[in-house]
Amino acid sequence: MVDILTLLKTSEMKWIIILIVIDVLLGIIAALVKKDFRLGKVADFMFRPVLAYILGFGILMLIPTAIPSLAKVSQFSYILVLLALTGSILDNLSKLGLKLPAYLKK
């Protein structure tokens, strides 16, 4: 059986957590700048997406131990999580006034 602490210590999980922290901080800064900060929004974001990313990816990392032929699923899901978090970070940066190319906004 895989230990949950072992899953949290992987480099993949560390990068996911780093990107989540950056995303949350930029989101809070953007909300403060736009005078749209609500503590409830932070709590809602922390509960839904953060737990979903961390727990969801943690569960997907267990798939190869149960079904080795599906090892690529966890690698593919890692890439998707990184892309989703990067998109959210770029969205928060655009709220702060950073000009993004049109193809990144769609």
N, C-alpha and C. Protein backbone atom coordinates (compact mmCIF):
# COMPACT_ATOMS: atom_id res chain seq x y z
N MET A 1 0.84 -1.19 0.00
CA MET A 1 0.00 0.00 0.00
C MET A 1 0.88 1.25 0.00
N VAL A 2 0.47 2.25 -0.74
CA VAL A 2 1.23 3.48 -0.87
C VAL A 2 0.86 4.43 0.27
N ASP A 3 1.87 4.99 0.88
CA ASP A 3 1.69 5.94 1.98
C ASP A 3 1.32 7.31 1.40
N ILE A 4 0.34 7.97 2.00
CA ILE A 4 -0.12 9.28 1.51
C ILE A 4 1.01 10.32 1.59
N LEU A 5 1.85 10.23 2.61
CA LEU A 5 2.96 11.18 2.72
C LEU A 5 3.97 10.99 1.60
N THR A 6 4.13 9.76 1.15
CA THR A 6 5.02 9.50 0.02
C THR A 6 4.49 10.18 -1.23
N LEU A 7 3.17 10.15 -1.41
CA LEU A 7 2.57 10.81 -2.57
C LEU A 7 2.77 12.32 -2.52
N LEU A 8 2.66 12.89 -1.32
CA LEU A 8 2.79 14.34 -1.19
C LEU A 8 4.23 14.82 -1.36
N LYS A 9 5.18 13.92 -1.21
CA LYS A 9 6.59 14.29 -1.31
C LYS A 9 7.15 14.19 -2.72
N THR A 10 6.34 13.82 -3.67
CA THR A 10 6.84 13.69 -5.05
C THR A 10 7.09 15.07 -5.64
N SER A 11 7.97 15.12 -6.62
CA SER A 11 8.27 16.40 -7.27
C SER A 11 7.05 16.92 -8.01
N GLU A 12 6.24 16.02 -8.56
CA GLU A 12 5.02 16.45 -9.25
C GLU A 12 4.08 17.18 -8.31
N MET A 13 3.87 16.59 -7.12
CA MET A 13 2.97 17.21 -6.15
C MET A 13 3.54 18.53 -5.64
N LYS A 14 4.84 18.60 -5.48
CA LYS A 14 5.46 19.86 -5.04
C LYS A 14 5.21 20.96 -6.06
N TRP A 15 5.34 20.66 -7.36
CA TRP A 15 5.09 21.67 -8.39
C TRP A 15 3.62 22.07 -8.41
N ILE A 16 2.74 21.12 -8.23
CA ILE A 16 1.31 21.45 -8.19
C ILE A 16 1.03 22.39 -7.03
N ILE A 17 1.59 22.10 -5.88
CA ILE A 17 1.36 22.95 -4.70
C ILE A 17 1.98 24.34 -4.91
N ILE A 18 3.15 24.41 -5.50
CA ILE A 18 3.79 25.71 -5.77
C ILE A 18 2.91 26.54 -6.71
N LEU A 19 2.41 25.93 -7.77
CA LEU A 19 1.55 26.65 -8.71
C LEU A 19 0.23 27.07 -8.07
N ILE A 20 -0.30 26.24 -7.18
CA ILE A 20 -1.53 26.61 -6.47
C ILE A 20 -1.28 27.84 -5.60
N VAL A 21 -0.17 27.85 -4.89
CA VAL A 21 0.16 29.00 -4.03
C VAL A 21 0.30 30.27 -4.87
N ILE A 22 1.01 30.17 -5.99
CA ILE A 22 1.16 31.33 -6.87
C ILE A 22 -0.21 31.79 -7.38
N ASP A 23 -1.03 30.85 -7.79
CA ASP A 23 -2.37 31.17 -8.30
C ASP A 23 -3.22 31.86 -7.25
N VAL A 24 -3.20 31.32 -6.04
CA VAL A 24 -4.01 31.91 -4.96
C VAL A 24 -3.52 33.32 -4.63
N LEU A 25 -2.21 33.48 -4.51
CA LEU A 25 -1.67 34.82 -4.20
C LEU A 25 -1.99 35.83 -5.29
N LEU A 26 -1.82 35.44 -6.55
CA LEU A 26 -2.16 36.36 -7.64
C LEU A 26 -3.65 36.65 -7.68
N GLY A 27 -4.47 35.66 -7.38
CA GLY A 27 -5.92 35.88 -7.34
C GLY A 27 -6.31 36.86 -6.25
N ILE A 28 -5.69 36.73 -5.09
CA ILE A 28 -5.98 37.64 -3.98
C ILE A 28 -5.51 39.05 -4.33
N ILE A 29 -4.31 39.16 -4.89
CA ILE A 29 -3.79 40.48 -5.28
C ILE A 29 -4.69 41.12 -6.33
N ALA A 30 -5.10 40.33 -7.34
CA ALA A 30 -5.97 40.87 -8.38
C ALA A 30 -7.31 41.32 -7.80
N ALA A 31 -7.85 40.56 -6.87
CA ALA A 31 -9.12 40.94 -6.25
C ALA A 31 -8.96 42.20 -5.41
N LEU A 32 -7.85 42.33 -4.72
CA LEU A 32 -7.61 43.54 -3.92
C LEU A 32 -7.45 44.76 -4.82
N VAL A 33 -6.73 44.60 -5.92
CA VAL A 33 -6.53 45.72 -6.85
C VAL A 33 -7.85 46.16 -7.45
N LYS A 34 -8.70 45.21 -7.80
CA LYS A 34 -9.99 45.53 -8.41
C LYS A 34 -11.07 45.82 -7.37
N LYS A 35 -10.67 45.80 -6.10
CA LYS A 35 -11.60 46.05 -4.98
C LYS A 35 -12.79 45.08 -5.02
N ASP A 36 -12.46 43.82 -5.32
CA ASP A 36 -13.47 42.77 -5.42
C ASP A 36 -13.15 41.61 -4.48
N PHE A 37 -12.32 41.89 -3.47
CA PHE A 37 -11.89 40.82 -2.57
C PHE A 37 -13.02 40.42 -1.63
N ARG A 38 -13.26 39.12 -1.56
CA ARG A 38 -14.24 38.55 -0.64
C ARG A 38 -13.60 37.33 -0.01
N LEU A 39 -13.58 37.28 1.31
CA LEU A 39 -12.97 36.16 2.00
C LEU A 39 -13.66 34.84 1.65
N GLY A 40 -14.96 34.90 1.41
CA GLY A 40 -15.71 33.71 1.03
C GLY A 40 -15.23 33.11 -0.29
N LYS A 41 -14.80 33.97 -1.21
CA LYS A 41 -14.28 33.48 -2.49
C LYS A 41 -12.98 32.71 -2.29
N VAL A 42 -12.13 33.20 -1.39
CA VAL A 42 -10.88 32.51 -1.10
C VAL A 42 -11.17 31.14 -0.49
N ALA A 43 -12.09 31.12 0.46
CA ALA A 43 -12.45 29.85 1.10
C ALA A 43 -13.04 28.88 0.10
N ASP A 44 -13.89 29.39 -0.78
CA ASP A 44 -14.50 28.55 -1.81
C ASP A 44 -13.45 27.99 -2.75
N PHE A 45 -12.50 28.83 -3.16
CA PHE A 45 -11.44 28.37 -4.06
C PHE A 45 -10.57 27.33 -3.36
N MET A 46 -10.24 27.58 -2.10
CA MET A 46 -9.38 26.65 -1.38
C MET A 46 -10.05 25.29 -1.22
N PHE A 47 -11.34 25.30 -1.03
CA PHE A 47 -12.05 24.04 -0.80
C PHE A 47 -12.20 23.24 -2.08
N ARG A 48 -12.68 23.85 -3.11
CA ARG A 48 -12.99 23.09 -4.34
C ARG A 48 -11.78 22.79 -5.20
N PRO A 49 -11.22 23.77 -5.89
CA PRO A 49 -10.13 23.44 -6.82
C PRO A 49 -8.86 22.92 -6.15
N VAL A 50 -8.47 23.51 -5.04
CA VAL A 50 -7.22 23.10 -4.41
C VAL A 50 -7.30 21.65 -3.97
N LEU A 51 -8.35 21.31 -3.26
CA LEU A 51 -8.50 19.93 -2.84
C LEU A 51 -8.67 18.99 -4.02
N ALA A 52 -9.35 19.45 -5.03
CA ALA A 52 -9.54 18.62 -6.22
C ALA A 52 -8.20 18.35 -6.91
N TYR A 53 -7.38 19.36 -7.05
CA TYR A 53 -6.08 19.17 -7.69
C TYR A 53 -5.20 18.21 -6.88
N ILE A 54 -5.09 18.49 -5.60
CA ILE A 54 -4.18 17.70 -4.76
C ILE A 54 -4.69 16.28 -4.56
N LEU A 55 -5.94 16.16 -4.11
CA LEU A 55 -6.47 14.81 -3.88
C LEU A 55 -6.69 14.05 -5.18
N GLY A 56 -7.20 14.75 -6.17
CA GLY A 56 -7.44 14.10 -7.45
C GLY A 56 -6.17 13.58 -8.08
N PHE A 57 -5.14 14.40 -8.10
CA PHE A 57 -3.88 13.96 -8.67
C PHE A 57 -3.25 12.86 -7.81
N GLY A 58 -3.39 12.97 -6.50
CA GLY A 58 -2.88 11.92 -5.61
C GLY A 58 -3.51 10.57 -5.91
N ILE A 59 -4.80 10.57 -6.15
CA ILE A 59 -5.50 9.33 -6.49
C ILE A 59 -5.04 8.82 -7.85
N LEU A 60 -4.89 9.73 -8.82
CA LEU A 60 -4.43 9.32 -10.14
C LEU A 60 -3.00 8.76 -10.11
N MET A 61 -2.21 9.20 -9.14
CA MET A 61 -0.86 8.66 -9.01
C MET A 61 -0.88 7.22 -8.51
N LEU A 62 -1.98 6.81 -7.89
CA LEU A 62 -2.10 5.45 -7.39
C LEU A 62 -2.46 4.45 -8.49
N ILE A 63 -2.99 4.94 -9.59
CA ILE A 63 -3.44 4.05 -10.67
C ILE A 63 -2.34 3.09 -11.13
N PRO A 64 -1.12 3.55 -11.37
CA PRO A 64 -0.08 2.62 -11.85
C PRO A 64 0.23 1.49 -10.86
N THR A 65 0.02 1.73 -9.56
CA THR A 65 0.28 0.65 -8.60
C THR A 65 -0.78 -0.44 -8.70
N ALA A 66 -1.99 -0.05 -9.06
CA ALA A 66 -3.07 -1.02 -9.18
C ALA A 66 -3.12 -1.64 -10.58
N ILE A 67 -2.94 -0.80 -11.59
CA ILE A 67 -3.02 -1.26 -12.98
C ILE A 67 -1.80 -0.69 -13.72
N PRO A 68 -0.70 -1.42 -13.72
CA PRO A 68 0.54 -0.90 -14.33
C PRO A 68 0.40 -0.50 -15.80
N SER A 69 -0.51 -1.11 -16.52
CA SER A 69 -0.65 -0.77 -17.93
C SER A 69 -1.22 0.63 -18.14
N LEU A 70 -1.76 1.24 -17.08
CA LEU A 70 -2.31 2.59 -17.17
C LEU A 70 -1.38 3.64 -16.56
N ALA A 71 -0.10 3.36 -16.54
CA ALA A 71 0.87 4.28 -15.94
C ALA A 71 0.88 5.65 -16.63
N LYS A 72 0.58 5.69 -17.91
CA LYS A 72 0.59 6.96 -18.64
C LYS A 72 -0.54 7.89 -18.18
N VAL A 73 -1.58 7.34 -17.56
CA VAL A 73 -2.71 8.17 -17.10
C VAL A 73 -2.24 9.20 -16.09
N SER A 74 -1.41 8.80 -15.14
CA SER A 74 -0.95 9.76 -14.13
C SER A 74 -0.02 10.80 -14.75
N GLN A 75 0.79 10.41 -15.72
CA GLN A 75 1.67 11.38 -16.38
C GLN A 75 0.85 12.39 -17.19
N PHE A 76 -0.15 11.89 -17.90
CA PHE A 76 -1.02 12.77 -18.69
C PHE A 76 -1.83 13.70 -17.79
N SER A 77 -2.32 13.18 -16.68
CA SER A 77 -3.10 14.02 -15.76
C SER A 77 -2.22 15.10 -15.14
N TYR A 78 -0.97 14.79 -14.88
CA TYR A 78 -0.03 15.79 -14.34
C TYR A 78 0.12 16.95 -15.31
N ILE A 79 0.28 16.64 -16.58
CA ILE A 79 0.40 17.68 -17.61
C ILE A 79 -0.87 18.52 -17.67
N LEU A 80 -2.03 17.89 -17.59
CA LEU A 80 -3.30 18.62 -17.63
C LEU A 80 -3.46 19.53 -16.41
N VAL A 81 -3.06 19.06 -15.25
CA VAL A 81 -3.14 19.89 -14.04
C VAL A 81 -2.21 21.08 -14.16
N LEU A 82 -1.00 20.86 -14.65
CA LEU A 82 -0.06 21.98 -14.84
C LEU A 82 -0.61 23.01 -15.82
N LEU A 83 -1.20 22.54 -16.91
CA LEU A 83 -1.78 23.46 -17.89
C LEU A 83 -2.95 24.24 -17.30
N ALA A 84 -3.79 23.57 -16.53
CA ALA A 84 -4.93 24.25 -15.91
C ALA A 84 -4.47 25.31 -14.93
N LEU A 85 -3.50 24.99 -14.11
CA LEU A 85 -2.99 25.96 -13.14
C LEU A 85 -2.26 27.11 -13.84
N THR A 86 -1.52 26.81 -14.88
CA THR A 86 -0.85 27.86 -15.65
C THR A 86 -1.87 28.79 -16.29
N GLY A 87 -2.95 28.22 -16.81
CA GLY A 87 -4.03 29.05 -17.38
C GLY A 87 -4.65 29.95 -16.35
N SER A 88 -4.87 29.42 -15.16
CA SER A 88 -5.45 30.24 -14.09
C SER A 88 -4.49 31.35 -13.66
N ILE A 89 -3.21 31.04 -13.59
CA ILE A 89 -2.21 32.06 -13.25
C ILE A 89 -2.18 33.15 -14.31
N LEU A 90 -2.21 32.77 -15.58
CA LEU A 90 -2.23 33.76 -16.66
C LEU A 90 -3.49 34.61 -16.61
N ASP A 91 -4.61 33.99 -16.26
CA ASP A 91 -5.86 34.74 -16.12
C ASP A 91 -5.74 35.78 -15.00
N ASN A 92 -5.16 35.38 -13.89
CA ASN A 92 -4.97 36.34 -12.80
C ASN A 92 -4.00 37.45 -13.17
N LEU A 93 -2.96 37.11 -13.93
CA LEU A 93 -2.04 38.15 -14.39
C LEU A 93 -2.73 39.12 -15.35
N SER A 94 -3.64 38.61 -16.18
CA SER A 94 -4.36 39.51 -17.09
C SER A 94 -5.29 40.43 -16.30
N LYS A 95 -5.81 39.95 -15.19
CA LYS A 95 -6.64 40.81 -14.33
C LYS A 95 -5.82 41.92 -13.70
N LEU A 96 -4.52 41.68 -13.59
CA LEU A 96 -3.62 42.70 -13.05
C LEU A 96 -3.09 43.63 -14.13
N GLY A 97 -3.52 43.43 -15.38
CA GLY A 97 -3.15 44.34 -16.45
C GLY A 97 -2.12 43.81 -17.43
N LEU A 98 -1.65 42.59 -17.24
CA LEU A 98 -0.69 42.02 -18.18
C LEU A 98 -1.40 41.71 -19.50
N LYS A 99 -0.84 42.20 -20.58
CA LYS A 99 -1.42 41.96 -21.90
C LYS A 99 -1.05 40.56 -22.36
N LEU A 100 -2.06 39.76 -22.64
CA LEU A 100 -1.85 38.40 -23.11
C LEU A 100 -2.27 38.29 -24.57
N PRO A 101 -1.59 37.45 -25.34
CA PRO A 101 -2.02 37.24 -26.72
C PRO A 101 -3.46 36.69 -26.77
N ALA A 102 -4.16 37.01 -27.83
CA ALA A 102 -5.56 36.63 -27.93
C ALA A 102 -5.76 35.12 -27.86
N TYR A 103 -4.83 34.34 -28.41
CA TYR A 103 -5.01 32.89 -28.41
C TYR A 103 -4.90 32.29 -27.00
N LEU A 104 -4.29 33.00 -26.06
CA LEU A 104 -4.22 32.53 -24.69
C LEU A 104 -5.48 32.88 -23.89
N LYS A 105 -6.24 33.82 -24.38
CA LYS A 105 -7.44 34.24 -23.66
C LYS A 105 -8.65 33.37 -23.95
N LYS A 106 -8.59 32.60 -25.02
CA LYS A 106 -9.74 31.78 -25.39
C LYS A 106 -9.80 30.51 -24.61
